[in-house]
Amino acid sequence: RGLKVRADVDKADVDGFNRAVRASLTNKSTLLVSWVHEYLPDLLRSLAADLPLAPEFETWPERCDAAAWPEPAHLKGGNKCYDLAWQVTMERRPGGGPEGWTAIKVQAFMQGFG
């Protein structure tokens, strides 16, 4: 089995990302996405277009230091939030095909550092 890594979607291609995610999903599967932080809210809105999203998902936070482990001071760039993950739960609706996947829940998690 192993982990299949894809890097064939441009970082700003929201529609391409949405198609790639929906085409990659299978029943009871997990899909991990690692992306440029500034595009994550747009990607989430694309996947969860039918869900009302909480304000915390409107932008990726600039910082998200955990109580037990602050982000390293040497990180370059404006965004220094690397301890946060957004989880989107998708469900396959009748009709099948990649278009049949619908987001039913979105959650935010700190990655265990506080």
N, C-alpha and C. Protein backbone atom coordinates (compact mmCIF):
# COMPACT_ATOMS: atom_id res chain seq x y z
N ARG A 1 0.83 -1.19 0.00
CA ARG A 1 0.00 0.00 0.00
C ARG A 1 0.86 1.23 0.00
N GLY A 2 1.19 1.76 1.12
CA GLY A 2 2.03 2.94 1.18
C GLY A 2 1.25 4.23 1.03
N LEU A 3 1.97 5.31 1.05
CA LEU A 3 1.41 6.64 0.96
C LEU A 3 1.65 7.19 -0.44
N LYS A 4 0.60 7.55 -1.13
CA LYS A 4 0.72 8.14 -2.45
C LYS A 4 0.75 9.65 -2.29
N VAL A 5 1.81 10.29 -2.77
CA VAL A 5 1.95 11.73 -2.68
C VAL A 5 1.66 12.33 -4.04
N ARG A 6 0.78 13.32 -4.04
CA ARG A 6 0.44 14.02 -5.28
C ARG A 6 0.91 15.47 -5.15
N ALA A 7 1.47 15.98 -6.22
CA ALA A 7 1.87 17.39 -6.25
C ALA A 7 1.53 17.98 -7.62
N ASP A 8 0.41 17.55 -8.19
CA ASP A 8 0.07 17.95 -9.54
C ASP A 8 -0.99 19.05 -9.61
N VAL A 9 -1.34 19.65 -8.48
CA VAL A 9 -2.31 20.74 -8.46
C VAL A 9 -1.58 22.00 -8.00
N ASP A 10 -1.71 23.08 -8.77
CA ASP A 10 -1.08 24.34 -8.41
C ASP A 10 -1.63 24.83 -7.08
N LYS A 11 -0.81 25.48 -6.29
CA LYS A 11 -1.21 25.90 -4.95
C LYS A 11 -2.42 26.83 -4.94
N ALA A 12 -2.66 27.58 -6.01
CA ALA A 12 -3.79 28.52 -6.06
C ALA A 12 -4.99 27.97 -6.85
N ASP A 13 -4.91 26.73 -7.33
CA ASP A 13 -5.97 26.14 -8.15
C ASP A 13 -7.02 25.48 -7.26
N VAL A 14 -7.95 26.27 -6.76
CA VAL A 14 -8.97 25.78 -5.83
C VAL A 14 -9.86 24.74 -6.50
N ASP A 15 -10.29 24.99 -7.74
CA ASP A 15 -11.15 24.03 -8.43
C ASP A 15 -10.41 22.71 -8.70
N GLY A 16 -9.15 22.81 -9.10
CA GLY A 16 -8.35 21.60 -9.32
C GLY A 16 -8.16 20.82 -8.04
N PHE A 17 -7.94 21.53 -6.93
CA PHE A 17 -7.82 20.88 -5.62
C PHE A 17 -9.11 20.14 -5.28
N ASN A 18 -10.23 20.81 -5.46
CA ASN A 18 -11.53 20.20 -5.15
C ASN A 18 -11.74 18.94 -5.97
N ARG A 19 -11.46 18.99 -7.26
CA ARG A 19 -11.61 17.81 -8.11
C ARG A 19 -10.67 16.69 -7.68
N ALA A 20 -9.43 17.03 -7.38
CA ALA A 20 -8.44 16.03 -6.98
C ALA A 20 -8.84 15.34 -5.68
N VAL A 21 -9.31 16.11 -4.71
CA VAL A 21 -9.73 15.53 -3.43
C VAL A 21 -10.90 14.58 -3.65
N ARG A 22 -11.93 15.04 -4.34
CA ARG A 22 -13.12 14.22 -4.53
C ARG A 22 -12.82 12.96 -5.35
N ALA A 23 -11.89 13.05 -6.29
CA ALA A 23 -11.52 11.89 -7.09
C ALA A 23 -10.67 10.90 -6.29
N SER A 24 -10.01 11.37 -5.22
CA SER A 24 -9.13 10.51 -4.42
C SER A 24 -9.84 9.82 -3.27
N LEU A 25 -11.01 10.30 -2.90
CA LEU A 25 -11.72 9.73 -1.75
C LEU A 25 -12.28 8.35 -2.06
N THR A 26 -12.22 7.49 -1.07
CA THR A 26 -12.86 6.18 -1.13
C THR A 26 -13.55 5.95 0.22
N ASN A 27 -14.41 4.96 0.28
CA ASN A 27 -15.14 4.67 1.51
C ASN A 27 -14.19 4.42 2.67
N LYS A 28 -14.44 5.10 3.78
CA LYS A 28 -13.68 4.95 5.03
C LYS A 28 -12.20 5.25 4.87
N SER A 29 -11.86 6.13 3.95
CA SER A 29 -10.46 6.49 3.74
C SER A 29 -10.11 7.78 4.46
N THR A 30 -8.83 8.01 4.59
CA THR A 30 -8.31 9.26 5.14
C THR A 30 -7.43 9.89 4.08
N LEU A 31 -7.63 11.15 3.86
CA LEU A 31 -6.84 11.90 2.89
C LEU A 31 -6.17 13.04 3.64
N LEU A 32 -4.86 13.11 3.60
CA LEU A 32 -4.11 14.16 4.29
C LEU A 32 -3.69 15.20 3.27
N VAL A 33 -3.96 16.46 3.58
CA VAL A 33 -3.58 17.56 2.69
C VAL A 33 -2.65 18.48 3.45
N SER A 34 -1.53 18.78 2.85
CA SER A 34 -0.59 19.76 3.38
C SER A 34 -0.47 20.84 2.32
N TRP A 35 -0.70 22.10 2.70
CA TRP A 35 -0.82 23.15 1.69
C TRP A 35 -0.24 24.46 2.21
N VAL A 36 -0.07 25.41 1.34
CA VAL A 36 0.35 26.75 1.70
C VAL A 36 -0.77 27.36 2.55
N HIS A 37 -0.41 27.83 3.75
CA HIS A 37 -1.42 28.30 4.70
C HIS A 37 -2.40 29.31 4.13
N GLU A 38 -1.94 30.27 3.38
CA GLU A 38 -2.83 31.34 2.92
C GLU A 38 -3.96 30.84 2.03
N TYR A 39 -3.83 29.67 1.44
CA TYR A 39 -4.87 29.13 0.56
C TYR A 39 -5.84 28.19 1.28
N LEU A 40 -5.52 27.77 2.49
CA LEU A 40 -6.36 26.79 3.19
C LEU A 40 -7.81 27.24 3.38
N PRO A 41 -8.11 28.48 3.76
CA PRO A 41 -9.52 28.86 3.89
C PRO A 41 -10.29 28.75 2.56
N ASP A 42 -9.68 29.12 1.45
CA ASP A 42 -10.33 28.99 0.15
C ASP A 42 -10.58 27.53 -0.21
N LEU A 43 -9.59 26.68 0.08
CA LEU A 43 -9.75 25.25 -0.20
C LEU A 43 -10.87 24.66 0.65
N LEU A 44 -10.92 25.07 1.91
CA LEU A 44 -11.97 24.58 2.80
C LEU A 44 -13.35 25.02 2.30
N ARG A 45 -13.48 26.29 1.93
CA ARG A 45 -14.77 26.78 1.41
C ARG A 45 -15.18 26.01 0.17
N SER A 46 -14.22 25.61 -0.64
CA SER A 46 -14.50 24.85 -1.85
C SER A 46 -15.04 23.45 -1.50
N LEU A 47 -14.41 22.81 -0.53
CA LEU A 47 -14.84 21.46 -0.13
C LEU A 47 -16.15 21.47 0.65
N ALA A 48 -16.33 22.49 1.46
CA ALA A 48 -17.49 22.54 2.37
C ALA A 48 -18.47 23.63 1.96
N ALA A 49 -18.70 23.76 0.69
CA ALA A 49 -19.54 24.85 0.16
C ALA A 49 -20.95 24.83 0.73
N ASP A 50 -21.46 23.68 1.11
CA ASP A 50 -22.83 23.57 1.60
C ASP A 50 -22.95 23.72 3.12
N LEU A 51 -21.81 23.89 3.79
CA LEU A 51 -21.84 24.00 5.25
C LEU A 51 -21.67 25.44 5.71
N PRO A 52 -22.41 25.85 6.73
CA PRO A 52 -22.10 27.15 7.33
C PRO A 52 -20.83 26.97 8.18
N LEU A 53 -19.81 27.76 7.90
CA LEU A 53 -18.53 27.60 8.59
C LEU A 53 -18.40 28.61 9.73
N ALA A 54 -17.83 28.17 10.82
CA ALA A 54 -17.57 29.05 11.96
C ALA A 54 -16.54 30.11 11.57
N PRO A 55 -16.55 31.25 12.24
CA PRO A 55 -15.59 32.32 11.93
C PRO A 55 -14.12 31.88 12.00
N GLU A 56 -13.81 30.89 12.83
CA GLU A 56 -12.42 30.45 12.96
C GLU A 56 -11.86 29.88 11.66
N PHE A 57 -12.72 29.55 10.70
CA PHE A 57 -12.27 28.98 9.43
C PHE A 57 -12.19 30.02 8.30
N GLU A 58 -12.42 31.29 8.62
CA GLU A 58 -12.37 32.33 7.59
C GLU A 58 -10.95 32.66 7.15
N THR A 59 -10.01 32.58 8.06
CA THR A 59 -8.60 32.82 7.74
C THR A 59 -7.76 31.84 8.53
N TRP A 60 -6.57 31.56 8.01
CA TRP A 60 -5.61 30.75 8.77
C TRP A 60 -4.94 31.69 9.77
N PRO A 61 -4.84 31.30 11.04
CA PRO A 61 -4.25 32.20 12.03
C PRO A 61 -2.77 32.49 11.76
N GLU A 62 -2.35 33.69 12.11
CA GLU A 62 -0.94 34.07 11.95
C GLU A 62 -0.05 33.30 12.91
N ARG A 63 -0.55 33.05 14.11
CA ARG A 63 0.20 32.31 15.12
C ARG A 63 -0.77 31.36 15.82
N CYS A 64 -0.25 30.25 16.32
CA CYS A 64 -1.08 29.33 17.10
C CYS A 64 -0.21 28.61 18.12
N ASP A 65 0.59 29.40 18.82
CA ASP A 65 1.47 28.80 19.83
C ASP A 65 0.67 27.97 20.81
N ALA A 66 1.21 26.82 21.13
CA ALA A 66 0.61 25.96 22.15
C ALA A 66 1.24 26.32 23.49
N ALA A 67 0.52 26.04 24.56
CA ALA A 67 1.02 26.35 25.89
C ALA A 67 2.33 25.62 26.18
N ALA A 68 2.47 24.40 25.70
CA ALA A 68 3.65 23.59 26.00
C ALA A 68 4.78 23.79 25.00
N TRP A 69 4.48 24.41 23.84
CA TRP A 69 5.52 24.49 22.80
C TRP A 69 5.25 25.64 21.85
N PRO A 70 5.86 26.81 22.07
CA PRO A 70 5.67 27.93 21.14
C PRO A 70 6.35 27.62 19.80
N GLU A 71 5.81 28.19 18.74
CA GLU A 71 6.42 28.01 17.42
C GLU A 71 7.84 28.58 17.46
N PRO A 72 8.78 27.94 16.77
CA PRO A 72 10.17 28.41 16.78
C PRO A 72 10.30 29.84 16.28
N ALA A 73 11.13 30.63 16.94
CA ALA A 73 11.31 32.04 16.61
C ALA A 73 12.00 32.23 15.26
N HIS A 74 12.74 31.24 14.77
CA HIS A 74 13.52 31.41 13.54
C HIS A 74 12.68 31.22 12.27
N LEU A 75 11.41 30.87 12.39
CA LEU A 75 10.58 30.67 11.21
C LEU A 75 10.47 31.95 10.41
N LYS A 76 10.61 31.85 9.10
CA LYS A 76 10.55 33.01 8.21
C LYS A 76 9.12 33.21 7.71
N GLY A 77 8.82 34.39 7.22
CA GLY A 77 7.52 34.67 6.65
C GLY A 77 6.55 35.17 7.70
N GLY A 78 5.36 35.56 7.23
CA GLY A 78 4.38 36.14 8.12
C GLY A 78 3.60 35.12 8.93
N ASN A 79 3.35 33.96 8.38
CA ASN A 79 2.51 32.99 9.07
C ASN A 79 3.37 31.98 9.81
N LYS A 80 3.10 31.83 11.10
CA LYS A 80 3.88 30.91 11.92
C LYS A 80 2.98 29.94 12.69
N CYS A 81 1.90 29.51 12.06
CA CYS A 81 0.98 28.58 12.71
C CYS A 81 1.15 27.19 12.10
N TYR A 82 1.85 26.33 12.82
CA TYR A 82 2.12 24.97 12.34
C TYR A 82 1.59 23.91 13.28
N ASP A 83 0.77 24.29 14.26
CA ASP A 83 0.27 23.34 15.24
C ASP A 83 -1.24 23.12 15.10
N LEU A 84 -1.80 23.48 13.96
CA LEU A 84 -3.23 23.42 13.76
C LEU A 84 -3.57 22.53 12.58
N ALA A 85 -4.65 21.78 12.72
CA ALA A 85 -5.15 20.96 11.60
C ALA A 85 -6.66 21.17 11.50
N TRP A 86 -7.13 21.23 10.27
CA TRP A 86 -8.57 21.27 10.02
C TRP A 86 -8.98 19.92 9.47
N GLN A 87 -10.00 19.34 10.05
CA GLN A 87 -10.50 18.04 9.61
C GLN A 87 -11.87 18.22 8.96
N VAL A 88 -11.99 17.74 7.74
CA VAL A 88 -13.26 17.79 7.01
C VAL A 88 -13.76 16.36 6.87
N THR A 89 -14.94 16.09 7.39
CA THR A 89 -15.55 14.78 7.24
C THR A 89 -16.47 14.83 6.02
N MET A 90 -16.22 13.90 5.10
CA MET A 90 -16.99 13.85 3.86
C MET A 90 -17.87 12.60 3.88
N GLU A 91 -19.01 12.71 3.22
CA GLU A 91 -19.94 11.59 3.12
C GLU A 91 -20.35 11.45 1.65
N ARG A 92 -20.46 10.21 1.23
CA ARG A 92 -20.88 9.96 -0.15
C ARG A 92 -22.40 9.94 -0.22
N ARG A 93 -22.93 10.79 -1.04
CA ARG A 93 -24.38 10.90 -1.21
C ARG A 93 -24.82 10.03 -2.38
N PRO A 94 -26.10 9.69 -2.46
CA PRO A 94 -26.60 8.88 -3.58
C PRO A 94 -26.21 9.49 -4.93
N GLY A 95 -25.92 8.61 -5.85
CA GLY A 95 -25.52 9.06 -7.17
C GLY A 95 -24.09 8.67 -7.47
N GLY A 96 -23.30 8.50 -6.44
CA GLY A 96 -21.91 8.06 -6.59
C GLY A 96 -21.06 9.02 -7.38
N GLY A 97 -19.89 8.53 -7.78
CA GLY A 97 -18.96 9.34 -8.53
C GLY A 97 -18.29 10.37 -7.64
N PRO A 98 -17.23 11.00 -8.14
CA PRO A 98 -16.53 12.02 -7.35
C PRO A 98 -17.45 13.16 -6.92
N GLU A 99 -18.43 13.48 -7.74
CA GLU A 99 -19.33 14.58 -7.42
C GLU A 99 -20.23 14.24 -6.23
N GLY A 100 -20.35 12.97 -5.88
CA GLY A 100 -21.25 12.55 -4.82
C GLY A 100 -20.75 12.83 -3.41
N TRP A 101 -19.49 13.24 -3.25
CA TRP A 101 -18.94 13.50 -1.92
C TRP A 101 -19.36 14.88 -1.43
N THR A 102 -19.85 14.92 -0.18
CA THR A 102 -20.31 16.16 0.42
C THR A 102 -19.70 16.30 1.82
N ALA A 103 -19.23 17.50 2.14
CA ALA A 103 -18.71 17.75 3.48
C ALA A 103 -19.87 17.82 4.46
N ILE A 104 -19.73 17.09 5.57
CA ILE A 104 -20.80 17.10 6.58
C ILE A 104 -20.34 17.69 7.92
N LYS A 105 -19.01 17.84 8.10
CA LYS A 105 -18.52 18.38 9.37
C LYS A 105 -17.11 18.92 9.17
N VAL A 106 -16.81 20.02 9.86
CA VAL A 106 -15.46 20.59 9.86
C VAL A 106 -15.07 20.84 11.31
N GLN A 107 -13.87 20.41 11.68
CA GLN A 107 -13.37 20.61 13.03
C GLN A 107 -11.93 21.14 12.97
N ALA A 108 -11.54 21.85 14.00
CA ALA A 108 -10.16 22.31 14.15
C ALA A 108 -9.52 21.59 15.33
N PHE A 109 -8.26 21.21 15.16
CA PHE A 109 -7.53 20.51 16.22
C PHE A 109 -6.13 21.11 16.35
N MET A 110 -5.69 21.30 17.59
CA MET A 110 -4.29 21.56 17.85
C MET A 110 -3.64 20.18 17.85
N GLN A 111 -2.42 20.10 17.45
CA GLN A 111 -1.79 18.82 17.26
C GLN A 111 -1.16 18.21 18.51
N GLY A 112 -1.73 18.49 19.66
CA GLY A 112 -1.33 17.78 20.87
C GLY A 112 -0.26 18.44 21.69
N PHE A 113 0.09 19.69 21.37
CA PHE A 113 1.15 20.34 22.13
C PHE A 113 0.61 21.31 23.16
N GLY A 114 -0.66 21.31 23.42
CA GLY A 114 -1.13 22.19 24.46
C GLY A 114 -2.49 22.68 24.20
